[in-house]
Amino acid sequence: MKNVLTIFVALLVSSAVFAMRTTDPSADNSIAFIKTGSVVKVIYSSDKESNTRVTITDLKGKEVFSESVRSRNGFTRRYNLSQLGRGNYIVRVSDGKKSRSEIITLQPLQRVAVLSK
């Protein structure tokens, strides 16, 4: 029974991780966002050298983080938003030609208890 429960939990967690994928990086757009918990992974692909701006703001427009990333073939960066309060945030990636935004919702961590006899 323990093995079945372990396999079920593993499948549940892995399917939840894949379900959080909000954009397919292989699509014609070169910017993708993948959210897992309070971490947002930004994938930017380009065949040219670029100077890309990543900005995180709250819904009121207040900037909470910003950085410029210079790259030759794109980049992959993880942004840990766990220190921000719960709510909605906008992650925006712009390279001067293309711009893409994603709304990220942060919710308080929900703890799950497993009770056994």
N, C-alpha and C. Protein backbone atom coordinates (compact mmCIF):
# COMPACT_ATOMS: atom_id res chain seq x y z
N MET A 1 0.83 -1.20 0.00
CA MET A 1 0.00 0.00 0.00
C MET A 1 0.87 1.26 0.00
N LYS A 2 2.00 1.21 0.76
CA LYS A 2 2.89 2.36 0.81
C LYS A 2 3.49 2.63 -0.57
N ASN A 3 3.84 1.55 -1.29
CA ASN A 3 4.42 1.71 -2.62
C ASN A 3 3.42 2.35 -3.58
N VAL A 4 2.17 1.93 -3.50
CA VAL A 4 1.14 2.50 -4.36
C VAL A 4 0.95 3.97 -4.05
N LEU A 5 0.92 4.32 -2.78
CA LEU A 5 0.78 5.71 -2.38
C LEU A 5 1.97 6.54 -2.84
N THR A 6 3.17 6.00 -2.72
CA THR A 6 4.37 6.71 -3.16
C THR A 6 4.34 6.95 -4.66
N ILE A 7 3.96 5.94 -5.42
CA ILE A 7 3.88 6.09 -6.87
C ILE A 7 2.81 7.11 -7.24
N PHE A 8 1.67 7.07 -6.55
CA PHE A 8 0.59 8.02 -6.82
C PHE A 8 1.06 9.45 -6.55
N VAL A 9 1.74 9.67 -5.44
CA VAL A 9 2.23 11.02 -5.09
C VAL A 9 3.25 11.48 -6.13
N ALA A 10 4.14 10.59 -6.54
CA ALA A 10 5.15 10.95 -7.54
C ALA A 10 4.49 11.34 -8.86
N LEU A 11 3.49 10.59 -9.28
CA LEU A 11 2.78 10.92 -10.51
C LEU A 11 2.03 12.24 -10.39
N LEU A 12 1.43 12.46 -9.24
CA LEU A 12 0.70 13.70 -9.00
C LEU A 12 1.62 14.91 -9.06
N VAL A 13 2.78 14.81 -8.42
CA VAL A 13 3.73 15.92 -8.41
C VAL A 13 4.27 16.17 -9.81
N SER A 14 4.65 15.11 -10.53
CA SER A 14 5.20 15.31 -11.87
C SER A 14 4.16 15.86 -12.82
N SER A 15 2.92 15.44 -12.71
CA SER A 15 1.89 15.99 -13.60
C SER A 15 1.60 17.44 -13.25
N ALA A 16 1.69 17.79 -11.98
CA ALA A 16 1.47 19.19 -11.58
C ALA A 16 2.57 20.08 -12.13
N VAL A 17 3.80 19.59 -12.13
CA VAL A 17 4.91 20.38 -12.66
C VAL A 17 4.71 20.62 -14.15
N PHE A 18 4.34 19.59 -14.90
CA PHE A 18 4.12 19.77 -16.33
C PHE A 18 2.89 20.62 -16.60
N ALA A 19 1.90 20.58 -15.74
CA ALA A 19 0.69 21.39 -15.93
C ALA A 19 0.98 22.86 -15.72
N MET A 20 2.02 23.19 -14.94
CA MET A 20 2.36 24.59 -14.69
C MET A 20 3.02 25.25 -15.89
N ARG A 21 3.44 24.47 -16.86
CA ARG A 21 4.07 25.05 -18.04
C ARG A 21 3.04 25.93 -18.73
N THR A 22 3.36 27.22 -18.85
CA THR A 22 2.39 28.16 -19.41
C THR A 22 2.66 28.48 -20.86
N THR A 23 3.85 28.21 -21.35
CA THR A 23 4.19 28.53 -22.72
C THR A 23 5.15 27.49 -23.25
N ASP A 24 4.98 27.10 -24.48
CA ASP A 24 5.86 26.14 -25.12
C ASP A 24 7.06 26.86 -25.72
N PRO A 25 8.29 26.61 -25.22
CA PRO A 25 9.44 27.34 -25.74
C PRO A 25 9.77 27.00 -27.18
N SER A 26 9.24 25.91 -27.72
CA SER A 26 9.52 25.55 -29.10
C SER A 26 8.58 26.24 -30.08
N ALA A 27 7.63 27.01 -29.56
CA ALA A 27 6.70 27.74 -30.42
C ALA A 27 7.46 28.82 -31.18
N ASP A 28 6.76 29.49 -32.12
CA ASP A 28 7.44 30.49 -32.94
C ASP A 28 7.92 31.68 -32.13
N ASN A 29 7.35 31.92 -30.98
CA ASN A 29 7.82 32.98 -30.11
C ASN A 29 9.06 32.49 -29.37
N SER A 30 10.01 33.37 -29.13
CA SER A 30 11.27 32.96 -28.54
C SER A 30 11.34 33.20 -27.03
N ILE A 31 10.20 33.46 -26.40
CA ILE A 31 10.16 33.73 -24.97
C ILE A 31 9.17 32.78 -24.33
N ALA A 32 9.58 32.11 -23.25
CA ALA A 32 8.69 31.18 -22.57
C ALA A 32 8.82 31.35 -21.06
N PHE A 33 7.74 31.03 -20.35
CA PHE A 33 7.70 31.10 -18.90
C PHE A 33 7.24 29.74 -18.38
N ILE A 34 7.92 29.25 -17.35
CA ILE A 34 7.51 28.02 -16.68
C ILE A 34 7.47 28.31 -15.19
N LYS A 35 6.30 28.14 -14.58
CA LYS A 35 6.14 28.42 -13.15
C LYS A 35 6.05 27.11 -12.38
N THR A 36 6.86 27.01 -11.34
CA THR A 36 6.81 25.87 -10.43
C THR A 36 6.85 26.44 -9.01
N GLY A 37 5.72 26.39 -8.33
CA GLY A 37 5.66 26.98 -6.99
C GLY A 37 5.87 28.48 -7.09
N SER A 38 6.85 29.00 -6.36
CA SER A 38 7.12 30.43 -6.38
C SER A 38 8.32 30.76 -7.27
N VAL A 39 8.77 29.80 -8.08
CA VAL A 39 9.90 30.02 -8.99
C VAL A 39 9.38 30.10 -10.42
N VAL A 40 9.82 31.14 -11.12
CA VAL A 40 9.47 31.31 -12.53
C VAL A 40 10.75 31.15 -13.34
N LYS A 41 10.71 30.24 -14.28
CA LYS A 41 11.84 30.01 -15.18
C LYS A 41 11.54 30.75 -16.48
N VAL A 42 12.44 31.64 -16.88
CA VAL A 42 12.30 32.39 -18.12
C VAL A 42 13.26 31.79 -19.13
N ILE A 43 12.73 31.43 -20.30
CA ILE A 43 13.55 30.89 -21.37
C ILE A 43 13.46 31.85 -22.55
N TYR A 44 14.60 32.38 -22.93
CA TYR A 44 14.66 33.30 -24.06
C TYR A 44 15.63 32.71 -25.08
N SER A 45 15.17 32.51 -26.29
CA SER A 45 16.05 31.96 -27.32
C SER A 45 16.15 32.93 -28.48
N SER A 46 17.37 33.05 -28.99
CA SER A 46 17.63 33.96 -30.09
C SER A 46 18.86 33.46 -30.84
N ASP A 47 18.89 33.67 -32.13
CA ASP A 47 20.06 33.26 -32.89
C ASP A 47 21.05 34.41 -33.07
N LYS A 48 20.77 35.54 -32.43
CA LYS A 48 21.64 36.72 -32.51
C LYS A 48 22.01 37.19 -31.11
N GLU A 49 23.01 38.02 -31.04
CA GLU A 49 23.36 38.64 -29.77
C GLU A 49 22.25 39.62 -29.41
N SER A 50 21.87 39.62 -28.15
CA SER A 50 20.77 40.50 -27.75
C SER A 50 21.00 41.05 -26.35
N ASN A 51 20.37 42.18 -26.11
CA ASN A 51 20.35 42.79 -24.79
C ASN A 51 18.88 42.77 -24.36
N THR A 52 18.55 41.89 -23.43
CA THR A 52 17.17 41.62 -23.06
C THR A 52 16.90 42.15 -21.66
N ARG A 53 15.74 42.71 -21.48
CA ARG A 53 15.33 43.26 -20.17
C ARG A 53 14.26 42.35 -19.56
N VAL A 54 14.48 41.94 -18.32
CA VAL A 54 13.50 41.17 -17.56
C VAL A 54 13.03 42.07 -16.42
N THR A 55 11.72 42.27 -16.36
CA THR A 55 11.15 43.14 -15.33
C THR A 55 10.00 42.42 -14.64
N ILE A 56 9.94 42.53 -13.32
CA ILE A 56 8.84 41.98 -12.54
C ILE A 56 8.16 43.14 -11.82
N THR A 57 6.85 43.27 -12.04
CA THR A 57 6.09 44.34 -11.40
C THR A 57 4.85 43.75 -10.74
N ASP A 58 4.31 44.50 -9.79
CA ASP A 58 3.00 44.09 -9.26
C ASP A 58 1.93 44.63 -10.21
N LEU A 59 0.68 44.32 -9.94
CA LEU A 59 -0.39 44.74 -10.86
C LEU A 59 -0.63 46.25 -10.87
N LYS A 60 -0.11 46.94 -9.85
CA LYS A 60 -0.24 48.40 -9.82
C LYS A 60 0.86 49.08 -10.63
N GLY A 61 1.80 48.27 -11.14
CA GLY A 61 2.89 48.82 -11.94
C GLY A 61 4.16 49.08 -11.18
N LYS A 62 4.18 48.81 -9.88
CA LYS A 62 5.37 49.04 -9.07
C LYS A 62 6.41 47.96 -9.41
N GLU A 63 7.59 48.40 -9.83
CA GLU A 63 8.65 47.48 -10.19
C GLU A 63 9.28 46.88 -8.94
N VAL A 64 9.32 45.55 -8.88
CA VAL A 64 9.92 44.87 -7.73
C VAL A 64 11.27 44.25 -8.09
N PHE A 65 11.53 44.09 -9.40
CA PHE A 65 12.81 43.55 -9.84
C PHE A 65 13.00 43.88 -11.32
N SER A 66 14.26 44.15 -11.70
CA SER A 66 14.57 44.38 -13.09
C SER A 66 16.03 44.08 -13.33
N GLU A 67 16.32 43.49 -14.47
CA GLU A 67 17.71 43.25 -14.84
C GLU A 67 17.84 43.23 -16.35
N SER A 68 19.04 43.52 -16.82
CA SER A 68 19.35 43.45 -18.23
C SER A 68 20.28 42.26 -18.44
N VAL A 69 19.95 41.42 -19.42
CA VAL A 69 20.73 40.21 -19.69
C VAL A 69 21.27 40.29 -21.11
N ARG A 70 22.57 40.26 -21.24
CA ARG A 70 23.20 40.26 -22.55
C ARG A 70 23.57 38.82 -22.89
N SER A 71 23.17 38.35 -24.07
CA SER A 71 23.43 36.96 -24.43
C SER A 71 23.63 36.83 -25.93
N ARG A 72 24.26 35.73 -26.32
CA ARG A 72 24.48 35.47 -27.75
C ARG A 72 23.40 34.57 -28.34
N ASN A 73 23.03 33.51 -27.64
CA ASN A 73 22.05 32.56 -28.16
C ASN A 73 20.86 32.41 -27.24
N GLY A 74 20.59 33.41 -26.45
CA GLY A 74 19.49 33.32 -25.51
C GLY A 74 19.98 32.95 -24.12
N PHE A 75 19.02 32.74 -23.22
CA PHE A 75 19.37 32.41 -21.84
C PHE A 75 18.20 31.71 -21.17
N THR A 76 18.51 31.09 -20.07
CA THR A 76 17.51 30.52 -19.18
C THR A 76 17.83 31.03 -17.78
N ARG A 77 16.85 31.64 -17.14
CA ARG A 77 17.05 32.17 -15.79
C ARG A 77 15.87 31.76 -14.91
N ARG A 78 16.18 31.50 -13.65
CA ARG A 78 15.14 31.22 -12.66
C ARG A 78 15.02 32.42 -11.73
N TYR A 79 13.78 32.79 -11.45
CA TYR A 79 13.50 33.90 -10.55
C TYR A 79 12.65 33.37 -9.40
N ASN A 80 13.20 33.44 -8.20
CA ASN A 80 12.52 32.96 -7.01
C ASN A 80 11.71 34.12 -6.43
N LEU A 81 10.40 34.00 -6.49
CA LEU A 81 9.51 35.06 -6.03
C LEU A 81 8.98 34.83 -4.62
N SER A 82 9.57 33.90 -3.91
CA SER A 82 9.04 33.51 -2.60
C SER A 82 9.09 34.65 -1.57
N GLN A 83 9.95 35.63 -1.76
CA GLN A 83 10.03 36.73 -0.80
C GLN A 83 8.97 37.81 -1.06
N LEU A 84 8.28 37.71 -2.18
CA LEU A 84 7.21 38.66 -2.47
C LEU A 84 5.93 38.22 -1.76
N GLY A 85 5.06 39.14 -1.48
CA GLY A 85 3.79 38.80 -0.85
C GLY A 85 2.87 38.08 -1.82
N ARG A 86 1.84 37.46 -1.28
CA ARG A 86 0.89 36.78 -2.16
C ARG A 86 0.20 37.81 -3.04
N GLY A 87 -0.18 37.37 -4.21
CA GLY A 87 -0.83 38.26 -5.15
C GLY A 87 -0.41 37.95 -6.57
N ASN A 88 -0.70 38.88 -7.46
CA ASN A 88 -0.39 38.71 -8.88
C ASN A 88 0.76 39.62 -9.27
N TYR A 89 1.66 39.09 -10.07
CA TYR A 89 2.83 39.82 -10.55
C TYR A 89 2.95 39.61 -12.05
N ILE A 90 3.53 40.59 -12.71
CA ILE A 90 3.74 40.49 -14.15
C ILE A 90 5.23 40.34 -14.41
N VAL A 91 5.59 39.27 -15.09
CA VAL A 91 6.96 39.06 -15.53
C VAL A 91 7.00 39.43 -17.01
N ARG A 92 7.83 40.43 -17.34
CA ARG A 92 7.90 40.92 -18.72
C ARG A 92 9.32 40.75 -19.23
N VAL A 93 9.44 40.21 -20.45
CA VAL A 93 10.73 40.04 -21.10
C VAL A 93 10.67 40.79 -22.42
N SER A 94 11.66 41.66 -22.65
CA SER A 94 11.65 42.48 -23.85
C SER A 94 13.07 42.59 -24.40
N ASP A 95 13.20 42.40 -25.72
CA ASP A 95 14.51 42.54 -26.35
C ASP A 95 14.57 43.71 -27.33
N GLY A 96 13.60 44.58 -27.26
CA GLY A 96 13.56 45.72 -28.17
C GLY A 96 12.71 45.46 -29.41
N LYS A 97 12.66 44.21 -29.84
CA LYS A 97 11.84 43.84 -30.99
C LYS A 97 10.59 43.08 -30.55
N LYS A 98 10.80 42.16 -29.63
CA LYS A 98 9.69 41.36 -29.10
C LYS A 98 9.55 41.62 -27.62
N SER A 99 8.33 41.54 -27.15
CA SER A 99 8.05 41.68 -25.73
C SER A 99 6.96 40.68 -25.38
N ARG A 100 7.13 40.05 -24.24
CA ARG A 100 6.12 39.08 -23.81
C ARG A 100 5.96 39.20 -22.30
N SER A 101 4.73 39.09 -21.84
CA SER A 101 4.43 39.19 -20.42
C SER A 101 3.63 37.98 -19.97
N GLU A 102 3.77 37.67 -18.71
CA GLU A 102 3.00 36.57 -18.11
C GLU A 102 2.59 37.01 -16.72
N ILE A 103 1.33 36.80 -16.37
CA ILE A 103 0.87 37.10 -15.01
C ILE A 103 1.11 35.86 -14.16
N ILE A 104 1.79 36.06 -13.06
CA ILE A 104 2.13 34.98 -12.14
C ILE A 104 1.37 35.22 -10.84
N THR A 105 0.65 34.23 -10.38
CA THR A 105 -0.10 34.33 -9.14
C THR A 105 0.64 33.59 -8.04
N LEU A 106 0.95 34.32 -6.97
CA LEU A 106 1.60 33.71 -5.81
C LEU A 106 0.54 33.50 -4.73
N GLN A 107 0.47 32.28 -4.26
CA GLN A 107 -0.47 31.93 -3.21
C GLN A 107 0.33 31.42 -2.02
N PRO A 108 -0.26 31.52 -0.83
CA PRO A 108 0.45 31.00 0.33
C PRO A 108 0.65 29.50 0.18
N LEU A 109 1.76 29.02 0.71
CA LEU A 109 2.07 27.60 0.66
C LEU A 109 1.00 26.80 1.38
N GLN A 110 0.48 25.81 0.69
CA GLN A 110 -0.53 24.95 1.30
C GLN A 110 0.14 23.67 1.76
N ARG A 111 0.01 23.38 3.00
CA ARG A 111 0.64 22.19 3.55
C ARG A 111 -0.35 21.03 3.50
N VAL A 112 0.18 19.88 3.13
CA VAL A 112 -0.63 18.68 3.05
C VAL A 112 -0.14 17.72 4.10
N ALA A 113 -1.05 17.25 4.90
CA ALA A 113 -0.70 16.28 5.95
C ALA A 113 -1.17 14.90 5.55
N VAL A 114 -0.32 13.93 5.73
CA VAL A 114 -0.70 12.54 5.46
C VAL A 114 -0.80 11.85 6.80
N LEU A 115 -1.98 11.38 7.08
CA LEU A 115 -2.22 10.69 8.35
C LEU A 115 -2.25 9.21 8.11
N SER A 116 -1.60 8.48 8.96
CA SER A 116 -1.63 7.02 8.82
C SER A 116 -1.91 6.42 10.19
N LYS A 117 -2.42 5.20 10.16
CA LYS A 117 -2.77 4.52 11.39
C LYS A 117 -1.61 3.71 11.89
